Amino acid sequence: MKPHQPLKPAVFHILLALAQQDLHGYALMQAVGEQSGGRILLRTGSLYRHLGALIDEGLVGEAPRRRQVGDPRRGTDYRLTARGRDVLEQERLYLTEVVTLKALRPALRKDPA
């Protein structure tokens, strides 16, 4: 396995949302906006560009379609693959390490007094 490369924020939030449940495109855009506190607002084009790349990398796949009576807008549902869960876990470990090191940094500085 190659060394972990940090994920782009939008990609991280897409994977994080799909780790909770399978979602269709619009619900995925809403979930990313909510969990990022409104910092990441995906537009349709960017969402599907990211999803296409994630599918090509084997991190996301199409889920069996849930039938919603009376909602013809519902399209494909997406789900996180096992590989996607592994990458998300690597990102969690990476972010934990970054935060831990940043928290330790003030303690590592010498007191100027």
N, C-alpha and C. Protein backbone atom coordinates (compact mmCIF):
# COMPACT_ATOMS: atom_id res chain seq x y z
N MET A 1 0.84 -1.18 0.00
CA MET A 1 0.00 0.00 0.00
C MET A 1 0.89 1.24 0.00
N LYS A 2 0.52 2.22 -0.86
CA LYS A 2 1.33 3.43 -0.93
C LYS A 2 1.07 4.30 0.30
N PRO A 3 2.00 5.21 0.62
CA PRO A 3 1.81 6.08 1.78
C PRO A 3 0.53 6.90 1.65
N HIS A 4 -0.07 7.17 2.77
CA HIS A 4 -1.31 7.92 2.80
C HIS A 4 -1.11 9.35 2.31
N GLN A 5 -1.96 9.78 1.40
CA GLN A 5 -1.99 11.16 0.95
C GLN A 5 -3.23 11.80 1.58
N PRO A 6 -3.08 12.94 2.23
CA PRO A 6 -4.25 13.57 2.85
C PRO A 6 -5.36 13.80 1.81
N LEU A 7 -6.58 13.60 2.25
CA LEU A 7 -7.74 13.78 1.37
C LEU A 7 -8.11 15.25 1.27
N LYS A 8 -8.64 15.63 0.13
CA LYS A 8 -9.20 16.96 -0.02
C LYS A 8 -10.43 17.04 0.89
N PRO A 9 -10.71 18.21 1.46
CA PRO A 9 -11.84 18.32 2.39
C PRO A 9 -13.16 17.81 1.83
N ALA A 10 -13.49 18.14 0.59
CA ALA A 10 -14.76 17.67 0.01
C ALA A 10 -14.80 16.15 -0.07
N VAL A 11 -13.70 15.55 -0.48
CA VAL A 11 -13.63 14.08 -0.58
C VAL A 11 -13.76 13.45 0.80
N PHE A 12 -13.06 14.01 1.78
CA PHE A 12 -13.16 13.51 3.14
C PHE A 12 -14.62 13.52 3.61
N HIS A 13 -15.31 14.62 3.38
CA HIS A 13 -16.69 14.73 3.86
C HIS A 13 -17.64 13.82 3.07
N ILE A 14 -17.37 13.59 1.80
CA ILE A 14 -18.20 12.64 1.04
C ILE A 14 -18.04 11.24 1.63
N LEU A 15 -16.80 10.83 1.86
CA LEU A 15 -16.56 9.50 2.44
C LEU A 15 -17.16 9.40 3.83
N LEU A 16 -17.01 10.44 4.62
CA LEU A 16 -17.54 10.45 5.98
C LEU A 16 -19.07 10.32 5.97
N ALA A 17 -19.72 11.03 5.07
CA ALA A 17 -21.18 10.95 4.99
C ALA A 17 -21.62 9.55 4.57
N LEU A 18 -20.90 8.95 3.63
CA LEU A 18 -21.27 7.61 3.17
C LEU A 18 -20.92 6.54 4.19
N ALA A 19 -20.04 6.84 5.13
CA ALA A 19 -19.74 5.89 6.20
C ALA A 19 -20.95 5.73 7.13
N GLN A 20 -21.80 6.74 7.16
CA GLN A 20 -22.99 6.70 8.02
C GLN A 20 -24.12 5.91 7.39
N GLN A 21 -24.31 6.11 6.06
CA GLN A 21 -25.39 5.42 5.35
C GLN A 21 -25.26 5.63 3.85
N ASP A 22 -25.92 4.78 3.09
CA ASP A 22 -25.98 4.95 1.64
C ASP A 22 -26.82 6.19 1.36
N LEU A 23 -26.40 6.98 0.37
CA LEU A 23 -27.12 8.21 0.07
C LEU A 23 -27.18 8.43 -1.44
N HIS A 24 -28.24 9.09 -1.89
CA HIS A 24 -28.32 9.55 -3.27
C HIS A 24 -27.67 10.92 -3.35
N GLY A 25 -27.44 11.42 -4.55
CA GLY A 25 -26.66 12.63 -4.75
C GLY A 25 -27.11 13.83 -3.95
N TYR A 26 -28.39 14.18 -4.01
CA TYR A 26 -28.86 15.37 -3.30
C TYR A 26 -28.69 15.21 -1.79
N ALA A 27 -29.04 14.04 -1.26
CA ALA A 27 -28.89 13.79 0.18
C ALA A 27 -27.42 13.85 0.57
N LEU A 28 -26.54 13.42 -0.31
CA LEU A 28 -25.10 13.47 -0.05
C LEU A 28 -24.61 14.91 0.02
N MET A 29 -25.08 15.76 -0.90
CA MET A 29 -24.71 17.18 -0.86
C MET A 29 -25.19 17.82 0.44
N GLN A 30 -26.41 17.49 0.86
CA GLN A 30 -26.97 18.03 2.11
C GLN A 30 -26.15 17.55 3.31
N ALA A 31 -25.80 16.28 3.34
CA ALA A 31 -25.04 15.72 4.46
C ALA A 31 -23.67 16.36 4.57
N VAL A 32 -23.00 16.57 3.45
CA VAL A 32 -21.67 17.20 3.45
C VAL A 32 -21.79 18.63 3.99
N GLY A 33 -22.79 19.36 3.55
CA GLY A 33 -22.99 20.73 4.04
C GLY A 33 -23.24 20.77 5.53
N GLU A 34 -24.07 19.86 6.02
CA GLU A 34 -24.39 19.82 7.45
C GLU A 34 -23.18 19.43 8.29
N GLN A 35 -22.50 18.36 7.93
CA GLN A 35 -21.40 17.89 8.78
C GLN A 35 -20.19 18.80 8.72
N SER A 36 -20.08 19.62 7.67
CA SER A 36 -18.96 20.56 7.59
C SER A 36 -19.32 21.92 8.17
N GLY A 37 -20.50 22.01 8.76
CA GLY A 37 -20.94 23.28 9.33
C GLY A 37 -21.11 24.35 8.27
N GLY A 38 -21.44 23.95 7.06
CA GLY A 38 -21.63 24.89 5.97
C GLY A 38 -20.35 25.34 5.30
N ARG A 39 -19.23 24.80 5.70
CA ARG A 39 -17.94 25.20 5.10
C ARG A 39 -17.74 24.62 3.71
N ILE A 40 -18.34 23.45 3.47
CA ILE A 40 -18.21 22.80 2.16
C ILE A 40 -19.61 22.64 1.59
N LEU A 41 -19.86 23.42 0.55
CA LEU A 41 -21.15 23.36 -0.13
C LEU A 41 -20.90 22.87 -1.55
N LEU A 42 -21.21 21.62 -1.77
CA LEU A 42 -20.97 21.00 -3.07
C LEU A 42 -22.07 21.37 -4.06
N ARG A 43 -21.67 21.67 -5.26
CA ARG A 43 -22.62 21.85 -6.36
C ARG A 43 -22.71 20.52 -7.09
N THR A 44 -23.75 20.37 -7.85
CA THR A 44 -24.00 19.10 -8.54
C THR A 44 -22.80 18.65 -9.36
N GLY A 45 -22.24 19.54 -10.16
CA GLY A 45 -21.10 19.16 -11.02
C GLY A 45 -19.91 18.68 -10.23
N SER A 46 -19.56 19.40 -9.16
CA SER A 46 -18.38 19.00 -8.37
C SER A 46 -18.65 17.72 -7.61
N LEU A 47 -19.88 17.53 -7.12
CA LEU A 47 -20.20 16.29 -6.42
C LEU A 47 -19.98 15.10 -7.34
N TYR A 48 -20.54 15.16 -8.55
CA TYR A 48 -20.46 14.02 -9.44
C TYR A 48 -19.05 13.84 -10.01
N ARG A 49 -18.29 14.90 -10.13
CA ARG A 49 -16.88 14.77 -10.53
C ARG A 49 -16.11 14.02 -9.44
N HIS A 50 -16.34 14.40 -8.16
CA HIS A 50 -15.70 13.69 -7.05
C HIS A 50 -16.17 12.24 -6.98
N LEU A 51 -17.47 12.02 -7.12
CA LEU A 51 -17.99 10.65 -7.06
C LEU A 51 -17.40 9.79 -8.18
N GLY A 52 -17.29 10.35 -9.37
CA GLY A 52 -16.70 9.59 -10.48
C GLY A 52 -15.28 9.15 -10.17
N ALA A 53 -14.50 10.07 -9.61
CA ALA A 53 -13.11 9.72 -9.25
C ALA A 53 -13.09 8.69 -8.13
N LEU A 54 -13.96 8.84 -7.14
CA LEU A 54 -14.00 7.90 -6.02
C LEU A 54 -14.45 6.51 -6.47
N ILE A 55 -15.36 6.46 -7.42
CA ILE A 55 -15.79 5.17 -7.98
C ILE A 55 -14.63 4.54 -8.75
N ASP A 56 -13.94 5.35 -9.56
CA ASP A 56 -12.80 4.84 -10.33
C ASP A 56 -11.70 4.30 -9.41
N GLU A 57 -11.52 4.91 -8.24
CA GLU A 57 -10.51 4.47 -7.28
C GLU A 57 -10.99 3.31 -6.41
N GLY A 58 -12.25 2.93 -6.56
CA GLY A 58 -12.79 1.82 -5.78
C GLY A 58 -13.14 2.17 -4.34
N LEU A 59 -13.30 3.46 -4.05
CA LEU A 59 -13.63 3.89 -2.69
C LEU A 59 -15.13 4.00 -2.47
N VAL A 60 -15.87 4.21 -3.53
CA VAL A 60 -17.32 4.34 -3.49
C VAL A 60 -17.90 3.47 -4.59
N GLY A 61 -19.07 2.93 -4.33
CA GLY A 61 -19.77 2.13 -5.33
C GLY A 61 -21.24 2.47 -5.34
N GLU A 62 -21.93 1.97 -6.32
CA GLU A 62 -23.37 2.15 -6.37
C GLU A 62 -24.03 1.14 -5.44
N ALA A 63 -25.01 1.61 -4.71
CA ALA A 63 -25.76 0.75 -3.78
C ALA A 63 -27.02 0.26 -4.48
N PRO A 64 -27.55 -0.87 -4.04
CA PRO A 64 -28.84 -1.29 -4.59
C PRO A 64 -29.87 -0.17 -4.36
N ARG A 65 -30.63 0.10 -5.36
CA ARG A 65 -31.57 1.23 -5.31
C ARG A 65 -32.73 0.95 -4.36
N ARG A 66 -32.96 1.92 -3.50
CA ARG A 66 -34.13 1.86 -2.62
C ARG A 66 -35.30 2.50 -3.34
N ARG A 67 -36.38 1.82 -3.39
CA ARG A 67 -37.55 2.35 -4.10
C ARG A 67 -38.27 3.36 -3.22
N GLN A 68 -38.45 4.55 -3.74
CA GLN A 68 -39.22 5.59 -3.06
C GLN A 68 -40.47 5.84 -3.89
N VAL A 69 -41.59 5.46 -3.37
CA VAL A 69 -42.85 5.64 -4.09
C VAL A 69 -43.13 7.14 -4.21
N GLY A 70 -43.44 7.58 -5.42
CA GLY A 70 -43.85 8.96 -5.63
C GLY A 70 -42.71 9.95 -5.75
N ASP A 71 -41.46 9.51 -5.78
CA ASP A 71 -40.33 10.46 -5.92
C ASP A 71 -39.52 10.06 -7.15
N PRO A 72 -39.90 10.58 -8.33
CA PRO A 72 -39.20 10.20 -9.55
C PRO A 72 -37.80 10.79 -9.67
N ARG A 73 -37.45 11.74 -8.79
CA ARG A 73 -36.13 12.37 -8.85
C ARG A 73 -35.03 11.48 -8.30
N ARG A 74 -35.41 10.50 -7.52
CA ARG A 74 -34.40 9.64 -6.90
C ARG A 74 -33.62 8.89 -7.95
N GLY A 75 -32.33 9.02 -7.89
CA GLY A 75 -31.46 8.32 -8.82
C GLY A 75 -30.68 7.25 -8.10
N THR A 76 -29.40 7.20 -8.37
CA THR A 76 -28.51 6.20 -7.81
C THR A 76 -28.19 6.51 -6.36
N ASP A 77 -28.17 5.47 -5.55
CA ASP A 77 -27.64 5.59 -4.19
C ASP A 77 -26.18 5.16 -4.23
N TYR A 78 -25.36 5.79 -3.39
CA TYR A 78 -23.94 5.48 -3.32
C TYR A 78 -23.61 4.94 -1.95
N ARG A 79 -22.57 4.09 -1.93
CA ARG A 79 -22.14 3.52 -0.65
C ARG A 79 -20.63 3.46 -0.60
N LEU A 80 -20.11 3.47 0.61
CA LEU A 80 -18.68 3.36 0.84
C LEU A 80 -18.27 1.90 0.68
N THR A 81 -17.18 1.65 -0.02
CA THR A 81 -16.68 0.29 -0.18
C THR A 81 -15.74 -0.03 0.99
N ALA A 82 -15.33 -1.28 1.08
CA ALA A 82 -14.37 -1.67 2.13
C ALA A 82 -13.07 -0.88 1.97
N ARG A 83 -12.64 -0.69 0.73
CA ARG A 83 -11.42 0.10 0.49
C ARG A 83 -11.64 1.55 0.91
N GLY A 84 -12.82 2.07 0.66
CA GLY A 84 -13.16 3.43 1.08
C GLY A 84 -13.11 3.58 2.59
N ARG A 85 -13.59 2.55 3.31
CA ARG A 85 -13.52 2.58 4.78
C ARG A 85 -12.07 2.57 5.25
N ASP A 86 -11.22 1.80 4.57
CA ASP A 86 -9.79 1.76 4.93
C ASP A 86 -9.15 3.14 4.73
N VAL A 87 -9.45 3.78 3.62
CA VAL A 87 -8.89 5.11 3.34
C VAL A 87 -9.41 6.12 4.36
N LEU A 88 -10.68 6.03 4.71
CA LEU A 88 -11.24 6.94 5.70
C LEU A 88 -10.57 6.73 7.06
N GLU A 89 -10.29 5.50 7.41
CA GLU A 89 -9.59 5.20 8.67
C GLU A 89 -8.16 5.74 8.63
N GLN A 90 -7.48 5.62 7.51
CA GLN A 90 -6.14 6.19 7.38
C GLN A 90 -6.18 7.71 7.57
N GLU A 91 -7.20 8.33 7.02
CA GLU A 91 -7.35 9.79 7.17
C GLU A 91 -7.61 10.16 8.63
N ARG A 92 -8.43 9.34 9.31
CA ARG A 92 -8.69 9.60 10.72
C ARG A 92 -7.40 9.53 11.53
N LEU A 93 -6.60 8.52 11.28
CA LEU A 93 -5.33 8.38 11.98
C LEU A 93 -4.39 9.53 11.67
N TYR A 94 -4.34 9.93 10.40
CA TYR A 94 -3.50 11.05 9.99
C TYR A 94 -3.94 12.34 10.70
N LEU A 95 -5.23 12.62 10.69
CA LEU A 95 -5.73 13.85 11.32
C LEU A 95 -5.50 13.83 12.83
N THR A 96 -5.67 12.68 13.45
CA THR A 96 -5.40 12.56 14.88
C THR A 96 -3.94 12.88 15.18
N GLU A 97 -3.04 12.37 14.35
CA GLU A 97 -1.62 12.63 14.52
C GLU A 97 -1.31 14.12 14.35
N VAL A 98 -1.89 14.73 13.34
CA VAL A 98 -1.66 16.16 13.09
C VAL A 98 -2.15 16.99 14.28
N VAL A 99 -3.33 16.71 14.77
CA VAL A 99 -3.88 17.47 15.89
C VAL A 99 -3.05 17.24 17.14
N THR A 100 -2.63 16.02 17.38
CA THR A 100 -1.80 15.71 18.55
C THR A 100 -0.48 16.45 18.48
N LEU A 101 0.16 16.44 17.33
CA LEU A 101 1.44 17.15 17.19
C LEU A 101 1.26 18.65 17.35
N LYS A 102 0.18 19.19 16.82
CA LYS A 102 -0.08 20.62 16.96
C LYS A 102 -0.33 20.97 18.42
N ALA A 103 -1.03 20.11 19.14
CA ALA A 103 -1.31 20.36 20.54
C ALA A 103 -0.04 20.30 21.38
N LEU A 104 0.91 19.45 20.97
CA LEU A 104 2.17 19.32 21.71
C LEU A 104 3.15 20.44 21.38
N ARG A 105 3.00 21.06 20.24
CA ARG A 105 3.96 22.06 19.78
C ARG A 105 4.22 23.17 20.81
N PRO A 106 3.21 23.78 21.44
CA PRO A 106 3.52 24.82 22.43
C PRO A 106 4.37 24.30 23.59
N ALA A 107 4.16 23.06 23.99
CA ALA A 107 4.93 22.47 25.09
C ALA A 107 6.38 22.23 24.69
N LEU A 108 6.63 22.10 23.39
CA LEU A 108 7.99 21.83 22.92
C LEU A 108 8.82 23.11 22.78
N ARG A 109 8.15 24.26 22.75
CA ARG A 109 8.88 25.52 22.64
C ARG A 109 9.58 25.85 23.95
N LYS A 110 10.73 26.46 23.84
CA LYS A 110 11.44 26.88 25.05
C LYS A 110 10.84 28.17 25.56
N ASP A 111 10.76 28.27 26.85
CA ASP A 111 10.24 29.48 27.48
C ASP A 111 11.26 30.60 27.31
N PRO A 112 10.85 31.75 26.71
CA PRO A 112 11.81 32.83 26.47
C PRO A 112 12.30 33.51 27.75
N ALA A 113 11.69 33.25 28.87
CA ALA A 113 12.07 33.93 30.11
C ALA A 113 13.35 33.41 30.69
